Amino acid sequence: MWPFSSSKTENTTAIYTREDRTKCWEARDQYFTCLDSIGVLKPGDELKSAGEGACSKENKAYEQNCAKSWIEYFNQRRVIAEAQKDRLAQANTQAANATR
């Protein structure tokens, strides 16, 4: 911050250790495994399809151990990765049909 600046913003960037990241990834994996077990792709939709309490323990651990920005990224990445799998399967099917 410049010495004569009128801005009073604070640097609130947290520093995450290797252990913090590992805890986050483990919590994410447990939550996503729970979602997979009940057939839910998009995080947060488990309440609509499986009802109250579905994956709530795993979701709570996920939210406690991961930064909000990480959660948003992981959740978006999960949906995108599944869409990519579908597109790749379609492309492989088209390629197989084209070579016949």
N, C-alpha and C. Protein backbone atom coordinates (compact mmCIF):
# COMPACT_ATOMS: atom_id res chain seq x y z
N MET A 1 0.84 -1.16 0.00
CA MET A 1 0.00 0.00 0.00
C MET A 1 0.89 1.23 0.00
N TRP A 2 0.51 2.19 -0.80
CA TRP A 2 1.29 3.42 -0.89
C TRP A 2 1.13 4.22 0.41
N PRO A 3 2.17 4.94 0.79
CA PRO A 3 2.10 5.65 2.06
C PRO A 3 1.04 6.73 2.11
N PHE A 4 0.65 7.29 0.96
CA PHE A 4 -0.32 8.38 0.97
C PHE A 4 -1.67 7.94 0.42
N SER A 5 -1.89 6.67 0.37
CA SER A 5 -3.14 6.15 -0.17
C SER A 5 -4.25 6.29 0.87
N SER A 6 -5.45 6.54 0.37
CA SER A 6 -6.58 6.64 1.28
C SER A 6 -7.28 5.29 1.45
N SER A 7 -6.84 4.31 0.71
CA SER A 7 -7.44 2.98 0.78
C SER A 7 -7.02 2.28 2.06
N LYS A 8 -7.97 1.66 2.73
CA LYS A 8 -7.66 0.95 3.97
C LYS A 8 -7.92 -0.55 3.81
N THR A 9 -7.58 -1.07 2.63
CA THR A 9 -7.77 -2.50 2.41
C THR A 9 -6.71 -3.28 3.16
N GLU A 10 -7.11 -4.42 3.65
CA GLU A 10 -6.18 -5.28 4.36
C GLU A 10 -5.90 -6.50 3.51
N ASN A 11 -4.73 -7.03 3.66
CA ASN A 11 -4.38 -8.26 2.97
C ASN A 11 -4.88 -9.43 3.81
N THR A 12 -5.97 -10.07 3.37
CA THR A 12 -6.56 -11.16 4.14
C THR A 12 -6.31 -12.51 3.49
N THR A 13 -5.31 -12.59 2.64
CA THR A 13 -5.00 -13.84 1.98
C THR A 13 -4.41 -14.80 3.01
N ALA A 14 -5.06 -15.95 3.13
CA ALA A 14 -4.58 -16.96 4.07
C ALA A 14 -3.47 -17.77 3.42
N ILE A 15 -2.59 -18.24 4.26
CA ILE A 15 -1.52 -19.10 3.78
C ILE A 15 -1.86 -20.52 4.21
N TYR A 16 -1.94 -21.42 3.24
CA TYR A 16 -2.30 -22.80 3.52
C TYR A 16 -1.07 -23.68 3.48
N THR A 17 -0.93 -24.50 4.50
CA THR A 17 0.19 -25.42 4.57
C THR A 17 -0.12 -26.67 3.76
N ARG A 18 0.86 -27.51 3.59
CA ARG A 18 0.66 -28.78 2.90
C ARG A 18 -0.39 -29.62 3.62
N GLU A 19 -0.37 -29.58 4.94
CA GLU A 19 -1.35 -30.34 5.73
C GLU A 19 -2.76 -29.80 5.52
N ASP A 20 -2.89 -28.47 5.44
CA ASP A 20 -4.20 -27.86 5.18
C ASP A 20 -4.74 -28.29 3.82
N ARG A 21 -3.88 -28.28 2.83
CA ARG A 21 -4.31 -28.69 1.49
C ARG A 21 -4.70 -30.16 1.47
N THR A 22 -3.93 -30.99 2.15
CA THR A 22 -4.24 -32.41 2.21
C THR A 22 -5.58 -32.65 2.88
N LYS A 23 -5.85 -31.95 3.98
CA LYS A 23 -7.14 -32.08 4.67
C LYS A 23 -8.28 -31.66 3.75
N CYS A 24 -8.08 -30.58 3.02
CA CYS A 24 -9.10 -30.09 2.09
C CYS A 24 -9.38 -31.13 1.01
N TRP A 25 -8.32 -31.64 0.39
CA TRP A 25 -8.50 -32.61 -0.69
C TRP A 25 -9.17 -33.88 -0.19
N GLU A 26 -8.81 -34.32 1.02
CA GLU A 26 -9.44 -35.52 1.57
C GLU A 26 -10.92 -35.29 1.84
N ALA A 27 -11.25 -34.12 2.39
CA ALA A 27 -12.65 -33.79 2.65
C ALA A 27 -13.43 -33.68 1.34
N ARG A 28 -12.82 -33.07 0.34
CA ARG A 28 -13.46 -32.97 -0.98
C ARG A 28 -13.71 -34.36 -1.56
N ASP A 29 -12.71 -35.22 -1.50
CA ASP A 29 -12.85 -36.57 -2.04
C ASP A 29 -13.96 -37.35 -1.33
N GLN A 30 -14.05 -37.21 -0.02
CA GLN A 30 -15.09 -37.91 0.74
C GLN A 30 -16.48 -37.38 0.36
N TYR A 31 -16.60 -36.07 0.20
CA TYR A 31 -17.87 -35.46 -0.18
C TYR A 31 -18.27 -35.91 -1.59
N PHE A 32 -17.33 -35.86 -2.52
CA PHE A 32 -17.63 -36.25 -3.89
C PHE A 32 -17.94 -37.74 -3.99
N THR A 33 -17.29 -38.57 -3.18
CA THR A 33 -17.60 -40.00 -3.15
C THR A 33 -19.03 -40.22 -2.66
N CYS A 34 -19.44 -39.46 -1.66
CA CYS A 34 -20.81 -39.54 -1.17
C CYS A 34 -21.78 -39.12 -2.27
N LEU A 35 -21.48 -38.05 -2.98
CA LEU A 35 -22.35 -37.60 -4.07
C LEU A 35 -22.45 -38.69 -5.14
N ASP A 36 -21.32 -39.31 -5.47
CA ASP A 36 -21.33 -40.38 -6.46
C ASP A 36 -22.21 -41.54 -6.00
N SER A 37 -22.17 -41.85 -4.71
CA SER A 37 -22.92 -43.00 -4.19
C SER A 37 -24.44 -42.78 -4.26
N ILE A 38 -24.87 -41.54 -4.28
CA ILE A 38 -26.31 -41.26 -4.38
C ILE A 38 -26.69 -40.76 -5.77
N GLY A 39 -25.72 -40.75 -6.69
CA GLY A 39 -26.00 -40.40 -8.08
C GLY A 39 -26.20 -38.93 -8.34
N VAL A 40 -25.50 -38.08 -7.60
CA VAL A 40 -25.62 -36.62 -7.78
C VAL A 40 -24.33 -36.09 -8.39
N LEU A 41 -24.47 -35.33 -9.46
CA LEU A 41 -23.30 -34.75 -10.12
C LEU A 41 -22.93 -33.40 -9.53
N LYS A 42 -23.91 -32.50 -9.46
CA LYS A 42 -23.64 -31.12 -9.05
C LYS A 42 -23.73 -30.99 -7.53
N PRO A 43 -22.62 -30.58 -6.89
CA PRO A 43 -22.66 -30.38 -5.44
C PRO A 43 -23.74 -29.39 -5.04
N GLY A 44 -24.47 -29.74 -4.00
CA GLY A 44 -25.59 -28.93 -3.54
C GLY A 44 -26.92 -29.49 -3.97
N ASP A 45 -26.93 -30.29 -5.04
CA ASP A 45 -28.17 -30.88 -5.54
C ASP A 45 -28.59 -32.11 -4.74
N GLU A 46 -27.75 -32.57 -3.82
CA GLU A 46 -28.10 -33.76 -3.04
C GLU A 46 -29.33 -33.54 -2.18
N LEU A 47 -29.57 -32.29 -1.79
CA LEU A 47 -30.75 -31.98 -0.98
C LEU A 47 -32.03 -32.17 -1.80
N LYS A 48 -31.97 -31.83 -3.08
CA LYS A 48 -33.14 -31.95 -3.95
C LYS A 48 -33.46 -33.41 -4.26
N SER A 49 -32.41 -34.19 -4.55
CA SER A 49 -32.66 -35.55 -5.02
C SER A 49 -32.68 -36.60 -3.91
N ALA A 50 -31.85 -36.44 -2.91
CA ALA A 50 -31.75 -37.48 -1.88
C ALA A 50 -32.38 -37.07 -0.55
N GLY A 51 -32.72 -35.81 -0.42
CA GLY A 51 -33.38 -35.36 0.80
C GLY A 51 -32.43 -34.78 1.84
N GLU A 52 -33.04 -34.30 2.90
CA GLU A 52 -32.32 -33.65 4.00
C GLU A 52 -31.33 -34.63 4.64
N GLY A 53 -30.15 -34.18 4.89
CA GLY A 53 -29.15 -34.98 5.58
C GLY A 53 -28.25 -35.80 4.67
N ALA A 54 -28.56 -35.86 3.37
CA ALA A 54 -27.73 -36.61 2.45
C ALA A 54 -26.38 -35.92 2.31
N CYS A 55 -25.33 -36.61 2.64
CA CYS A 55 -23.95 -36.14 2.54
C CYS A 55 -23.69 -34.90 3.40
N SER A 56 -24.52 -34.63 4.38
CA SER A 56 -24.36 -33.41 5.17
C SER A 56 -23.09 -33.45 6.01
N LYS A 57 -22.75 -34.59 6.54
CA LYS A 57 -21.51 -34.70 7.35
C LYS A 57 -20.29 -34.44 6.48
N GLU A 58 -20.27 -35.02 5.29
CA GLU A 58 -19.15 -34.85 4.37
C GLU A 58 -19.07 -33.41 3.86
N ASN A 59 -20.23 -32.83 3.58
CA ASN A 59 -20.27 -31.44 3.10
C ASN A 59 -19.76 -30.49 4.18
N LYS A 60 -20.14 -30.73 5.41
CA LYS A 60 -19.69 -29.87 6.51
C LYS A 60 -18.17 -29.92 6.65
N ALA A 61 -17.60 -31.12 6.58
CA ALA A 61 -16.14 -31.26 6.67
C ALA A 61 -15.46 -30.57 5.49
N TYR A 62 -16.05 -30.69 4.31
CA TYR A 62 -15.54 -30.05 3.10
C TYR A 62 -15.51 -28.54 3.27
N GLU A 63 -16.59 -27.97 3.76
CA GLU A 63 -16.67 -26.52 3.93
C GLU A 63 -15.77 -26.03 5.06
N GLN A 64 -15.53 -26.85 6.07
CA GLN A 64 -14.67 -26.45 7.18
C GLN A 64 -13.19 -26.50 6.81
N ASN A 65 -12.82 -27.41 5.92
CA ASN A 65 -11.41 -27.64 5.63
C ASN A 65 -10.91 -26.95 4.36
N CYS A 66 -11.82 -26.38 3.57
CA CYS A 66 -11.41 -25.76 2.31
C CYS A 66 -11.83 -24.29 2.26
N ALA A 67 -11.01 -23.50 1.60
CA ALA A 67 -11.35 -22.10 1.38
C ALA A 67 -12.54 -22.02 0.43
N LYS A 68 -13.34 -21.00 0.57
CA LYS A 68 -14.54 -20.84 -0.26
C LYS A 68 -14.19 -20.82 -1.74
N SER A 69 -13.12 -20.15 -2.10
CA SER A 69 -12.72 -20.09 -3.51
C SER A 69 -12.34 -21.46 -4.03
N TRP A 70 -11.73 -22.29 -3.17
CA TRP A 70 -11.36 -23.64 -3.58
C TRP A 70 -12.62 -24.48 -3.79
N ILE A 71 -13.59 -24.33 -2.89
CA ILE A 71 -14.84 -25.08 -3.00
C ILE A 71 -15.54 -24.74 -4.31
N GLU A 72 -15.61 -23.46 -4.62
CA GLU A 72 -16.24 -23.03 -5.88
C GLU A 72 -15.52 -23.65 -7.08
N TYR A 73 -14.19 -23.62 -7.04
CA TYR A 73 -13.41 -24.18 -8.14
C TYR A 73 -13.64 -25.69 -8.26
N PHE A 74 -13.53 -26.42 -7.14
CA PHE A 74 -13.69 -27.88 -7.18
C PHE A 74 -15.09 -28.27 -7.66
N ASN A 75 -16.10 -27.55 -7.19
CA ASN A 75 -17.48 -27.86 -7.59
C ASN A 75 -17.68 -27.64 -9.08
N GLN A 76 -17.16 -26.53 -9.60
CA GLN A 76 -17.28 -26.26 -11.04
C GLN A 76 -16.49 -27.28 -11.83
N ARG A 77 -15.32 -27.62 -11.35
CA ARG A 77 -14.45 -28.57 -12.05
C ARG A 77 -15.10 -29.95 -12.13
N ARG A 78 -15.83 -30.34 -11.09
CA ARG A 78 -16.51 -31.64 -11.09
C ARG A 78 -17.53 -31.71 -12.22
N VAL A 79 -18.33 -30.67 -12.38
CA VAL A 79 -19.36 -30.65 -13.42
C VAL A 79 -18.70 -30.60 -14.81
N ILE A 80 -17.69 -29.78 -14.97
CA ILE A 80 -16.99 -29.65 -16.25
C ILE A 80 -16.33 -30.96 -16.64
N ALA A 81 -15.68 -31.62 -15.69
CA ALA A 81 -14.99 -32.88 -15.98
C ALA A 81 -15.97 -33.95 -16.47
N GLU A 82 -17.15 -34.00 -15.89
CA GLU A 82 -18.15 -34.97 -16.31
C GLU A 82 -18.63 -34.67 -17.73
N ALA A 83 -18.83 -33.40 -18.03
CA ALA A 83 -19.24 -33.01 -19.38
C ALA A 83 -18.15 -33.37 -20.39
N GLN A 84 -16.89 -33.21 -20.01
CA GLN A 84 -15.79 -33.56 -20.90
C GLN A 84 -15.75 -35.06 -21.16
N LYS A 85 -16.04 -35.86 -20.13
CA LYS A 85 -16.08 -37.31 -20.31
C LYS A 85 -17.14 -37.69 -21.34
N ASP A 86 -18.31 -37.06 -21.24
CA ASP A 86 -19.39 -37.33 -22.19
C ASP A 86 -18.98 -36.95 -23.62
N ARG A 87 -18.36 -35.79 -23.76
CA ARG A 87 -17.93 -35.35 -25.09
C ARG A 87 -16.87 -36.27 -25.67
N LEU A 88 -15.95 -36.72 -24.83
CA LEU A 88 -14.90 -37.62 -25.28
C LEU A 88 -15.49 -38.96 -25.71
N ALA A 89 -16.45 -39.47 -24.98
CA ALA A 89 -17.11 -40.72 -25.34
C ALA A 89 -17.83 -40.58 -26.68
N GLN A 90 -18.51 -39.45 -26.89
CA GLN A 90 -19.18 -39.22 -28.16
C GLN A 90 -18.18 -39.13 -29.31
N ALA A 91 -17.07 -38.46 -29.08
CA ALA A 91 -16.04 -38.33 -30.12
C ALA A 91 -15.45 -39.69 -30.46
N ASN A 92 -15.22 -40.52 -29.45
CA ASN A 92 -14.68 -41.86 -29.70
C ASN A 92 -15.67 -42.71 -30.48
N THR A 93 -16.95 -42.58 -30.16
CA THR A 93 -17.98 -43.33 -30.88
C THR A 93 -18.04 -42.87 -32.34
N GLN A 94 -17.98 -41.57 -32.56
CA GLN A 94 -18.00 -41.04 -33.93
C GLN A 94 -16.77 -41.49 -34.71
N ALA A 95 -15.61 -41.49 -34.05
CA ALA A 95 -14.38 -41.91 -34.72
C ALA A 95 -14.46 -43.40 -35.06
N ALA A 96 -14.99 -44.20 -34.19
CA ALA A 96 -15.12 -45.63 -34.46
C ALA A 96 -16.07 -45.88 -35.61
N ASN A 97 -17.17 -45.13 -35.66
CA ASN A 97 -18.14 -45.29 -36.74
C ASN A 97 -17.59 -44.81 -38.08
N ALA A 98 -16.73 -43.82 -38.04
CA ALA A 98 -16.17 -43.25 -39.27
C ALA A 98 -15.16 -44.21 -39.90
N THR A 99 -14.51 -45.03 -39.13
CA THR A 99 -13.49 -45.92 -39.67
C THR A 99 -14.08 -47.23 -40.17
N ARG A 100 -15.37 -47.43 -40.02
CA ARG A 100 -16.01 -48.67 -40.49
C ARG A 100 -16.35 -48.61 -41.92
